[in-house]
């Protein structure tokens, strides 16, 4: 696991308090950056089965961040924080 910044931990909590659910692309982006930001090892992730569509989307989103874009955990934390701030503006937020 990777050390998590205070801003990242706060953003994780705030993401649960959005007034509306983000769209699927935004949720996948949050998921992938969260997984990468916490330092989980993508190489140990199990590829989902053929008909596990939701798991496959999540796996592929994380793969893009971890393998294709080679985002570091600290960069993923920063991106997660920025995305949550953007979503708070779009969907509202219960402080």
PDB file of N, CA and C in Angstrom:
ATOM      1  N   UNK A   1       0.833  -1.191   0.000  1.00  0.00           N
ATOM      2  CA  UNK A   1       0.000   0.000   0.000  1.00  0.00           C
ATOM      3  C   UNK A   1       0.873   1.249   0.000  1.00  0.00           C
ATOM      4  N   UNK A   2       0.301   2.317  -0.474  1.00  0.00           N
ATOM      5  CA  UNK A   2       0.998   3.587  -0.619  1.00  0.00           C
ATOM      6  C   UNK A   2       0.434   4.575   0.401  1.00  0.00           C
ATOM      7  N   UNK A   3       1.271   5.464   0.895  1.00  0.00           N
ATOM      8  CA  UNK A   3       0.801   6.512   1.798  1.00  0.00           C
ATOM      9  C   UNK A   3      -0.236   7.370   1.073  1.00  0.00           C
ATOM     10  N   UNK A   4      -1.321   7.621   1.763  1.00  0.00           N
ATOM     11  CA  UNK A   4      -2.394   8.410   1.165  1.00  0.00           C
ATOM     12  C   UNK A   4      -2.370   9.814   1.747  1.00  0.00           C
ATOM     13  N   UNK A   5      -2.461  10.804   0.872  1.00  0.00           N
ATOM     14  CA  UNK A   5      -2.459  12.188   1.323  1.00  0.00           C
ATOM     15  C   UNK A   5      -3.771  12.507   2.038  1.00  0.00           C
ATOM     16  N   UNK A   6      -3.730  13.536   2.858  1.00  0.00           N
ATOM     17  CA  UNK A   6      -4.936  13.980   3.559  1.00  0.00           C
ATOM     18  C   UNK A   6      -6.000  14.416   2.550  1.00  0.00           C
ATOM     19  N   UNK A   7      -5.564  15.082   1.481  1.00  0.00           N
ATOM     20  CA  UNK A   7      -6.508  15.545   0.447  1.00  0.00           C
ATOM     21  C   UNK A   7      -7.192  14.356  -0.227  1.00  0.00           C
ATOM     22  N   UNK A   8      -6.438  13.283  -0.468  1.00  0.00           N
ATOM     23  CA  UNK A   8      -6.999  12.086  -1.097  1.00  0.00           C
ATOM     24  C   UNK A   8      -8.024  11.439  -0.170  1.00  0.00           C
ATOM     25  N   UNK A   9      -7.677  11.282   1.098  1.00  0.00           N
ATOM     26  CA  UNK A   9      -8.605  10.674   2.068  1.00  0.00           C
ATOM     27  C   UNK A   9      -9.888  11.496   2.178  1.00  0.00           C
ATOM     28  N   UNK A  10      -9.739  12.827   2.192  1.00  0.00           N
ATOM     29  CA  UNK A  10     -10.899  13.716   2.264  1.00  0.00           C
ATOM     30  C   UNK A  10     -11.766  13.556   1.010  1.00  0.00           C
ATOM     31  N   UNK A  11     -11.122  13.485  -0.149  1.00  0.00           N
ATOM     32  CA  UNK A  11     -11.865  13.344  -1.408  1.00  0.00           C
ATOM     33  C   UNK A  11     -12.620  12.021  -1.455  1.00  0.00           C
ATOM     34  N   UNK A  12     -12.023  10.963  -0.906  1.00  0.00           N
ATOM     35  CA  UNK A  12     -12.709   9.666  -0.866  1.00  0.00           C
ATOM     36  C   UNK A  12     -13.992   9.797  -0.051  1.00  0.00           C
ATOM     37  N   UNK A  13     -13.906  10.451   1.101  1.00  0.00           N
ATOM     38  CA  UNK A  13     -15.103  10.660   1.927  1.00  0.00           C
ATOM     39  C   UNK A  13     -16.127  11.528   1.208  1.00  0.00           C
ATOM     40  N   UNK A  14     -15.656  12.605   0.584  1.00  0.00           N
ATOM     41  CA  UNK A  14     -16.566  13.527  -0.093  1.00  0.00           C
ATOM     42  C   UNK A  14     -17.228  12.892  -1.304  1.00  0.00           C
ATOM     43  N   UNK A  15     -16.556  11.954  -1.955  1.00  0.00           N
ATOM     44  CA  UNK A  15     -17.146  11.305  -3.134  1.00  0.00           C
ATOM     45  C   UNK A  15     -18.405  10.532  -2.755  1.00  0.00           C
ATOM     46  N   UNK A  16     -18.497  10.134  -1.509  1.00  0.00           N
ATOM     47  CA  UNK A  16     -19.681   9.396  -1.037  1.00  0.00           C
ATOM     48  C   UNK A  16     -20.841  10.316  -0.688  1.00  0.00           C
ATOM     49  N   UNK A  17     -20.588  11.626  -0.696  1.00  0.00           N
ATOM     50  CA  UNK A  17     -21.611  12.588  -0.287  1.00  0.00           C
ATOM     51  C   UNK A  17     -22.116  13.443  -1.443  1.00  0.00           C
ATOM     52  N   UNK A  18     -21.845  13.023  -2.667  1.00  0.00           N
ATOM     53  CA  UNK A  18     -22.366  13.758  -3.819  1.00  0.00           C
ATOM     54  C   UNK A  18     -23.889  13.642  -3.816  1.00  0.00           C
ATOM     55  N   UNK A  19     -24.584  14.679  -4.249  1.00  0.00           N
ATOM     56  CA  UNK A  19     -26.046  14.681  -4.228  1.00  0.00           C
ATOM     57  C   UNK A  19     -26.653  13.798  -5.311  1.00  0.00           C
ATOM     58  N   UNK A  20     -25.900  13.526  -6.360  1.00  0.00           N
ATOM     59  CA  UNK A  20     -26.393  12.664  -7.440  1.00  0.00           C
ATOM     60  C   UNK A  20     -25.264  11.720  -7.836  1.00  0.00           C
ATOM     61  N   UNK A  21     -25.647  10.599  -8.412  1.00  0.00           N
ATOM     62  CA  UNK A  21     -24.660   9.611  -8.827  1.00  0.00           C
ATOM     63  C   UNK A  21     -23.995  10.059 -10.130  1.00  0.00           C
ATOM     64  N   UNK A  22     -22.656  10.063 -10.168  1.00  0.00           N
ATOM     65  CA  UNK A  22     -21.962  10.408 -11.412  1.00  0.00           C
ATOM     66  C   UNK A  22     -22.288   9.401 -12.523  1.00  0.00           C
ATOM     67  N   UNK A  23     -22.021   9.783 -13.764  1.00  0.00           N
ATOM     68  CA  UNK A  23     -22.286   8.859 -14.869  1.00  0.00           C
ATOM     69  C   UNK A  23     -21.260   7.720 -14.845  1.00  0.00           C
ATOM     70  N   UNK A  24     -21.491   6.718 -15.657  1.00  0.00           N
ATOM     71  CA  UNK A  24     -20.644   5.522 -15.631  1.00  0.00           C
ATOM     72  C   UNK A  24     -19.180   5.819 -15.945  1.00  0.00           C
ATOM     73  N   UNK A  25     -18.914   6.691 -16.910  1.00  0.00           N
ATOM     74  CA  UNK A  25     -17.529   7.030 -17.245  1.00  0.00           C
ATOM     75  C   UNK A  25     -16.825   7.692 -16.063  1.00  0.00           C
ATOM     76  N   UNK A  26     -17.542   8.578 -15.381  1.00  0.00           N
ATOM     77  CA  UNK A  26     -16.966   9.247 -14.211  1.00  0.00           C
ATOM     78  C   UNK A  26     -16.720   8.255 -13.079  1.00  0.00           C
ATOM     79  N   UNK A  27     -17.665   7.331 -12.892  1.00  0.00           N
ATOM     80  CA  UNK A  27     -17.487   6.315 -11.855  1.00  0.00           C
ATOM     81  C   UNK A  27     -16.282   5.417 -12.145  1.00  0.00           C
ATOM     82  N   UNK A  28     -16.111   5.053 -13.408  1.00  0.00           N
ATOM     83  CA  UNK A  28     -14.959   4.222 -13.781  1.00  0.00           C
ATOM     84  C   UNK A  28     -13.648   4.979 -13.579  1.00  0.00           C
ATOM     85  N   UNK A  29     -13.659   6.268 -13.879  1.00  0.00           N
ATOM     86  CA  UNK A  29     -12.462   7.082 -13.686  1.00  0.00           C
ATOM     87  C   UNK A  29     -12.126   7.198 -12.197  1.00  0.00           C
ATOM     88  N   UNK A  30     -13.156   7.385 -11.373  1.00  0.00           N
ATOM     89  CA  UNK A  30     -12.945   7.414  -9.927  1.00  0.00           C
ATOM     90  C   UNK A  30     -12.366   6.084  -9.447  1.00  0.00           C
ATOM     91  N   UNK A  31     -12.973   4.997  -9.887  1.00  0.00           N
ATOM     92  CA  UNK A  31     -12.542   3.663  -9.472  1.00  0.00           C
ATOM     93  C   UNK A  31     -11.081   3.411  -9.836  1.00  0.00           C
ATOM     94  N   UNK A  32     -10.738   3.670 -11.075  1.00  0.00           N
ATOM     95  CA  UNK A  32      -9.384   3.387 -11.549  1.00  0.00           C
ATOM     96  C   UNK A  32      -8.345   4.220 -10.800  1.00  0.00           C
ATOM     97  N   UNK A  33      -8.651   5.484 -10.583  1.00  0.00           N
ATOM     98  CA  UNK A  33      -7.699   6.338  -9.875  1.00  0.00           C
ATOM     99  C   UNK A  33      -7.634   6.001  -8.395  1.00  0.00           C
ATOM    100  N   UNK A  34      -8.742   5.543  -7.830  1.00  0.00           N
ATOM    101  CA  UNK A  34      -8.720   5.104  -6.434  1.00  0.00           C
ATOM    102  C   UNK A  34      -7.828   3.866  -6.291  1.00  0.00           C
ATOM    103  N   UNK A  35      -8.053   2.881  -7.148  1.00  0.00           N
ATOM    104  CA  UNK A  35      -7.264   1.643  -7.079  1.00  0.00           C
ATOM    105  C   UNK A  35      -5.780   1.940  -7.250  1.00  0.00           C
ATOM    106  N   UNK A  36      -5.457   2.780  -8.227  1.00  0.00           N
ATOM    107  CA  UNK A  36      -4.059   3.124  -8.479  1.00  0.00           C
ATOM    108  C   UNK A  36      -3.506   3.990  -7.346  1.00  0.00           C
ATOM    109  N   UNK A  37      -4.330   4.900  -6.851  1.00  0.00           N
ATOM    110  CA  UNK A  37      -3.909   5.815  -5.794  1.00  0.00           C
ATOM    111  C   UNK A  37      -3.630   5.140  -4.465  1.00  0.00           C
ATOM    112  N   UNK A  38      -4.294   4.011  -4.222  1.00  0.00           N
ATOM    113  CA  UNK A  38      -4.052   3.283  -2.977  1.00  0.00           C
ATOM    114  C   UNK A  38      -2.871   2.331  -3.113  1.00  0.00           C
ATOM    115  N   UNK A  39      -2.312   2.251  -4.320  1.00  0.00           N
ATOM    116  CA  UNK A  39      -1.119   1.439  -4.521  1.00  0.00           C
ATOM    117  C   UNK A  39      -1.382  -0.037  -4.725  1.00  0.00           C
ATOM    118  N   UNK A  40      -2.623  -0.387  -5.038  1.00  0.00           N
ATOM    119  CA  UNK A  40      -2.909  -1.798  -5.308  1.00  0.00           C
ATOM    120  C   UNK A  40      -2.158  -2.232  -6.563  1.00  0.00           C
ATOM    121  N   UNK A  41      -1.748  -3.480  -6.583  1.00  0.00           N
ATOM    122  CA  UNK A  41      -0.916  -4.012  -7.659  1.00  0.00           C
ATOM    123  C   UNK A  41      -1.794  -4.573  -8.777  1.00  0.00           C
ATOM    124  N   UNK A  42      -1.827  -3.860  -9.908  1.00  0.00           N
ATOM    125  CA  UNK A  42      -2.670  -4.301 -11.023  1.00  0.00           C
ATOM    126  C   UNK A  42      -2.262  -5.682 -11.524  1.00  0.00           C
ATOM    127  N   UNK A  43      -0.972  -5.993 -11.472  1.00  0.00           N
ATOM    128  CA  UNK A  43      -0.507  -7.285 -11.998  1.00  0.00           C
ATOM    129  C   UNK A  43      -1.104  -8.469 -11.237  1.00  0.00           C
ATOM    130  N   UNK A  44      -1.636  -8.216 -10.040  1.00  0.00           N
ATOM    131  CA  UNK A  44      -2.260  -9.283  -9.251  1.00  0.00           C
ATOM    132  C   UNK A  44      -3.770  -9.339  -9.433  1.00  0.00           C
ATOM    133  N   UNK A  45      -4.299  -8.425 -10.234  1.00  0.00           N
ATOM    134  CA  UNK A  45      -5.740  -8.403 -10.483  1.00  0.00           C
ATOM    135  C   UNK A  45      -6.127  -9.570 -11.387  1.00  0.00           C
ATOM    136  N   UNK A  46      -7.261 -10.165 -11.102  1.00  0.00           N
ATOM    137  CA  UNK A  46      -7.759 -11.275 -11.900  1.00  0.00           C
ATOM    138  C   UNK A  46      -8.647 -10.731 -13.011  1.00  0.00           C
ATOM    139  N   UNK A  47      -8.370 -11.161 -14.233  1.00  0.00           N
ATOM    140  CA  UNK A  47      -9.192 -10.711 -15.358  1.00  0.00           C
ATOM    141  C   UNK A  47     -10.580 -11.328 -15.226  1.00  0.00           C
ATOM    142  N   UNK A  48     -11.633 -10.505 -15.335  1.00  0.00           N
ATOM    143  CA  UNK A  48     -12.997 -11.012 -15.169  1.00  0.00           C
ATOM    144  C   UNK A  48     -13.419 -11.942 -16.305  1.00  0.00           C
ATOM    145  N   UNK A  49     -14.437 -12.721 -16.022  1.00  0.00           N
ATOM    146  CA  UNK A  49     -14.974 -13.652 -17.004  1.00  0.00           C
ATOM    147  C   UNK A  49     -15.689 -12.946 -18.142  1.00  0.00           C
ATOM    148  N   UNK A  50     -16.009 -13.694 -19.153  1.00  0.00           N
ATOM    149  CA  UNK A  50     -16.614 -13.165 -20.376  1.00  0.00           C
ATOM    150  C   UNK A  50     -17.893 -12.375 -20.128  1.00  0.00           C
ATOM    151  N   UNK A  51     -18.750 -12.856 -19.239  1.00  0.00           N
ATOM    152  CA  UNK A  51     -20.048 -12.213 -19.055  1.00  0.00           C
ATOM    153  C   UNK A  51     -20.123 -11.328 -17.812  1.00  0.00           C
ATOM    154  N   UNK A  52     -19.004 -11.086 -17.165  1.00  0.00           N
ATOM    155  CA  UNK A  52     -18.950 -10.190 -16.006  1.00  0.00           C
ATOM    156  C   UNK A  52     -18.669  -8.777 -16.524  1.00  0.00           C
ATOM    157  N   UNK A  53     -19.686  -8.189 -17.130  1.00  0.00           N
ATOM    158  CA  UNK A  53     -19.497  -6.933 -17.846  1.00  0.00           C
ATOM    159  C   UNK A  53     -19.047  -5.787 -16.945  1.00  0.00           C
ATOM    160  N   UNK A  54     -19.706  -5.600 -15.806  1.00  0.00           N
ATOM    161  CA  UNK A  54     -19.345  -4.497 -14.928  1.00  0.00           C
ATOM    162  C   UNK A  54     -17.901  -4.649 -14.435  1.00  0.00           C
ATOM    163  N   UNK A  55     -17.527  -5.852 -14.035  1.00  0.00           N
ATOM    164  CA  UNK A  55     -16.165  -6.097 -13.560  1.00  0.00           C
ATOM    165  C   UNK A  55     -15.149  -5.874 -14.683  1.00  0.00           C
ATOM    166  N   UNK A  56     -15.546  -6.231 -15.903  1.00  0.00           N
ATOM    167  CA  UNK A  56     -14.657  -6.051 -17.047  1.00  0.00           C
ATOM    168  C   UNK A  56     -14.399  -4.571 -17.317  1.00  0.00           C
ATOM    169  N   UNK A  57     -15.458  -3.745 -17.219  1.00  0.00           N
ATOM    170  CA  UNK A  57     -15.294  -2.300 -17.416  1.00  0.00           C
ATOM    171  C   UNK A  57     -14.360  -1.721 -16.355  1.00  0.00           C
ATOM    172  N   UNK A  58     -14.540  -2.153 -15.108  1.00  0.00           N
ATOM    173  CA  UNK A  58     -13.698  -1.666 -14.021  1.00  0.00           C
ATOM    174  C   UNK A  58     -12.249  -2.118 -14.221  1.00  0.00           C
ATOM    175  N   UNK A  59     -12.061  -3.363 -14.582  1.00  0.00           N
ATOM    176  CA  UNK A  59     -10.722  -3.912 -14.830  1.00  0.00           C
ATOM    177  C   UNK A  59     -10.027  -3.124 -15.943  1.00  0.00           C
ATOM    178  N   UNK A  60     -10.748  -2.894 -17.043  1.00  0.00           N
ATOM    179  CA  UNK A  60     -10.155  -2.182 -18.177  1.00  0.00           C
ATOM    180  C   UNK A  60      -9.843  -0.721 -17.844  1.00  0.00           C
ATOM    181  N   UNK A  61     -10.685  -0.088 -17.028  1.00  0.00           N
ATOM    182  CA  UNK A  61     -10.418   1.295 -16.619  1.00  0.00           C
ATOM    183  C   UNK A  61      -9.147   1.359 -15.777  1.00  0.00           C
ATOM    184  N   UNK A  62      -9.011   0.421 -14.852  1.00  0.00           N
ATOM    185  CA  UNK A  62      -7.813   0.384 -14.010  1.00  0.00           C
ATOM    186  C   UNK A  62      -6.577   0.045 -14.845  1.00  0.00           C
ATOM    187  N   UNK A  63      -6.748  -0.869 -15.798  1.00  0.00           N
ATOM    188  CA  UNK A  63      -5.633  -1.251 -16.673  1.00  0.00           C
ATOM    189  C   UNK A  63      -5.132  -0.038 -17.461  1.00  0.00           C
ATOM    190  N   UNK A  64      -6.067   0.777 -17.959  1.00  0.00           N
ATOM    191  CA  UNK A  64      -5.673   1.963 -18.721  1.00  0.00           C
ATOM    192  C   UNK A  64      -4.819   2.891 -17.865  1.00  0.00           C
ATOM    193  N   UNK A  65      -5.244   3.125 -16.626  1.00  0.00           N
ATOM    194  CA  UNK A  65      -4.505   4.018 -15.730  1.00  0.00           C
ATOM    195  C   UNK A  65      -3.163   3.405 -15.334  1.00  0.00           C
ATOM    196  N   UNK A  66      -3.174   2.136 -14.949  1.00  0.00           N
ATOM    197  CA  UNK A  66      -1.977   1.495 -14.392  1.00  0.00           C
ATOM    198  C   UNK A  66      -0.957   1.082 -15.447  1.00  0.00           C
ATOM    199  N   UNK A  67      -1.424   0.495 -16.531  1.00  0.00           N
ATOM    200  CA  UNK A  67      -0.513  -0.109 -17.510  1.00  0.00           C
ATOM    201  C   UNK A  67      -0.291   0.794 -18.714  1.00  0.00           C
ATOM    202  N   UNK A  68      -1.371   1.240 -19.339  1.00  0.00           N
ATOM    203  CA  UNK A  68      -1.240   2.016 -20.570  1.00  0.00           C
ATOM    204  C   UNK A  68      -0.724   3.427 -20.309  1.00  0.00           C
ATOM    205  N   UNK A  69      -1.319   4.122 -19.327  1.00  0.00           N
ATOM    206  CA  UNK A  69      -0.917   5.503 -19.050  1.00  0.00           C
ATOM    207  C   UNK A  69       0.220   5.583 -18.025  1.00  0.00           C
ATOM    208  N   UNK A  70       0.488   4.464 -17.335  1.00  0.00           N
ATOM    209  CA  UNK A  70       1.567   4.388 -16.329  1.00  0.00           C
ATOM    210  C   UNK A  70       1.474   5.514 -15.300  1.00  0.00           C
ATOM    211  N   UNK A  71       0.280   5.720 -14.758  1.00  0.00           N
ATOM    212  CA  UNK A  71       0.051   6.762 -13.766  1.00  0.00           C
ATOM    213  C   UNK A  71       0.606   6.285 -12.414  1.00  0.00           C
ATOM    214  N   UNK A  72       1.387   7.128 -11.779  1.00  0.00           N
ATOM    215  CA  UNK A  72       1.931   6.775 -10.462  1.00  0.00           C
ATOM    216  C   UNK A  72       0.828   6.888  -9.411  1.00  0.00           C
ATOM    217  N   UNK A  73       0.971   6.203  -8.288  1.00  0.00           N
ATOM    218  CA  UNK A  73      -0.034   6.329  -7.234  1.00  0.00           C
ATOM    219  C   UNK A  73      -0.250   7.775  -6.772  1.00  0.00           C
ATOM    220  N   UNK A  74       0.822   8.550  -6.635  1.00  0.00           N
ATOM    221  CA  UNK A  74       0.640   9.936  -6.183  1.00  0.00           C
ATOM    222  C   UNK A  74      -0.094  10.773  -7.240  1.00  0.00           C
ATOM    223  N   UNK A  75       0.191  10.541  -8.512  1.00  0.00           N
ATOM    224  CA  UNK A  75      -0.517  11.256  -9.578  1.00  0.00           C
ATOM    225  C   UNK A  75      -1.983  10.834  -9.625  1.00  0.00           C
ATOM    226  N   UNK A  76      -2.250   9.548  -9.381  1.00  0.00           N
ATOM    227  CA  UNK A  76      -3.634   9.059  -9.359  1.00  0.00           C
ATOM    228  C   UNK A  76      -4.398   9.695  -8.208  1.00  0.00           C
ATOM    229  N   UNK A  77      -3.745   9.868  -7.056  1.00  0.00           N
ATOM    230  CA  UNK A  77      -4.399  10.533  -5.924  1.00  0.00           C
ATOM    231  C   UNK A  77      -4.754  11.968  -6.276  1.00  0.00           C
ATOM    232  N   UNK A  78      -3.828  12.675  -6.920  1.00  0.00           N
ATOM    233  CA  UNK A  78      -4.087  14.063  -7.310  1.00  0.00           C
ATOM    234  C   UNK A  78      -5.244  14.136  -8.306  1.00  0.00           C
ATOM    235  N   UNK A  79      -5.256  13.222  -9.265  1.00  0.00           N
ATOM    236  CA  UNK A  79      -6.324  13.222 -10.267  1.00  0.00           C
ATOM    237  C   UNK A  79      -7.666  12.912  -9.614  1.00  0.00           C
ATOM    238  N   UNK A  80      -7.669  11.986  -8.668  1.00  0.00           N
ATOM    239  CA  UNK A  80      -8.898  11.631  -7.944  1.00  0.00           C
ATOM    240  C   UNK A  80      -9.447  12.871  -7.223  1.00  0.00           C
ATOM    241  N   UNK A  81      -8.576  13.590  -6.526  1.00  0.00           N
ATOM    242  CA  UNK A  81      -8.992  14.792  -5.793  1.00  0.00           C
ATOM    243  C   UNK A  81      -9.581  15.814  -6.766  1.00  0.00           C
ATOM    244  N   UNK A  82      -8.918  16.046  -7.891  1.00  0.00           N
ATOM    245  CA  UNK A  82      -9.401  17.002  -8.890  1.00  0.00           C
ATOM    246  C   UNK A  82     -10.755  16.574  -9.451  1.00  0.00           C
ATOM    247  N   UNK A  83     -10.909  15.279  -9.705  1.00  0.00           N
ATOM    248  CA  UNK A  83     -12.171  14.775 -10.253  1.00  0.00           C
ATOM    249  C   UNK A  83     -13.308  14.943  -9.252  1.00  0.00           C
ATOM    250  N   UNK A  84     -13.060  14.648  -7.992  1.00  0.00           N
ATOM    251  CA  UNK A  84     -14.103  14.819  -6.967  1.00  0.00           C
ATOM    252  C   UNK A  84     -14.511  16.284  -6.867  1.00  0.00           C
ATOM    253  N   UNK A  85     -13.537  17.185  -6.923  1.00  0.00           N
ATOM    254  CA  UNK A  85     -13.875  18.620  -6.880  1.00  0.00           C
ATOM    255  C   UNK A  85     -14.758  18.999  -8.073  1.00  0.00           C
ATOM    256  N   UNK A  86     -14.441  18.490  -9.244  1.00  0.00           N
ATOM    257  CA  UNK A  86     -15.238  18.749 -10.446  1.00  0.00           C
ATOM    258  C   UNK A  86     -16.654  18.176 -10.282  1.00  0.00           C
ATOM    259  N   UNK A  87     -16.749  16.964  -9.744  1.00  0.00           N
ATOM    260  CA  UNK A  87     -18.054  16.323  -9.568  1.00  0.00           C
ATOM    261  C   UNK A  87     -18.890  17.046  -8.523  1.00  0.00           C
ATOM    262  N   UNK A  88     -18.245  17.579  -7.491  1.00  0.00           N
ATOM    263  CA  UNK A  88     -18.980  18.356  -6.487  1.00  0.00           C
ATOM    264  C   UNK A  88     -19.636  19.563  -7.139  1.00  0.00           C
ATOM    265  N   UNK A  89     -18.932  20.183  -8.089  1.00  0.00           N
ATOM    266  CA  UNK A  89     -19.503  21.310  -8.808  1.00  0.00           C
ATOM    267  C   UNK A  89     -20.646  20.910  -9.722  1.00  0.00           C
ATOM    268  N   UNK A  90     -20.530  19.724 -10.332  1.00  0.00           N
ATOM    269  CA  UNK A  90     -21.543  19.255 -11.276  1.00  0.00           C
ATOM    270  C   UNK A  90     -22.789  18.688 -10.591  1.00  0.00           C
ATOM    271  N   UNK A  91     -22.592  17.929  -9.523  1.00  0.00           N
ATOM    272  CA  UNK A  91     -23.689  17.176  -8.916  1.00  0.00           C
ATOM    273  C   UNK A  91     -24.143  17.712  -7.571  1.00  0.00           C
ATOM    274  N   UNK A  92     -23.413  18.637  -7.002  1.00  0.00           N
ATOM    275  CA  UNK A  92     -23.738  19.116  -5.673  1.00  0.00           C
ATOM    276  C   UNK A  92     -23.133  18.193  -4.630  1.00  0.00           C
ATOM    277  N   UNK A  93     -23.143  18.655  -3.383  1.00  0.00           N
ATOM    278  CA  UNK A  93     -22.410  17.965  -2.339  1.00  0.00           C
ATOM    279  C   UNK A  93     -23.042  18.245  -0.990  1.00  0.00           C
ATOM    280  N   UNK A  94     -23.252  17.223  -0.202  1.00  0.00           N
ATOM    281  CA  UNK A  94     -23.754  17.377   1.163  1.00  0.00           C
ATOM    282  C   UNK A  94     -22.569  17.459   2.109  1.00  0.00           C
ATOM    283  N   UNK A  95     -22.254  18.663   2.576  1.00  0.00           N
ATOM    284  CA  UNK A  95     -21.082  18.857   3.440  1.00  0.00           C
ATOM    285  C   UNK A  95     -21.194  18.116   4.760  1.00  0.00           C
TER     286      UNK A  95
END
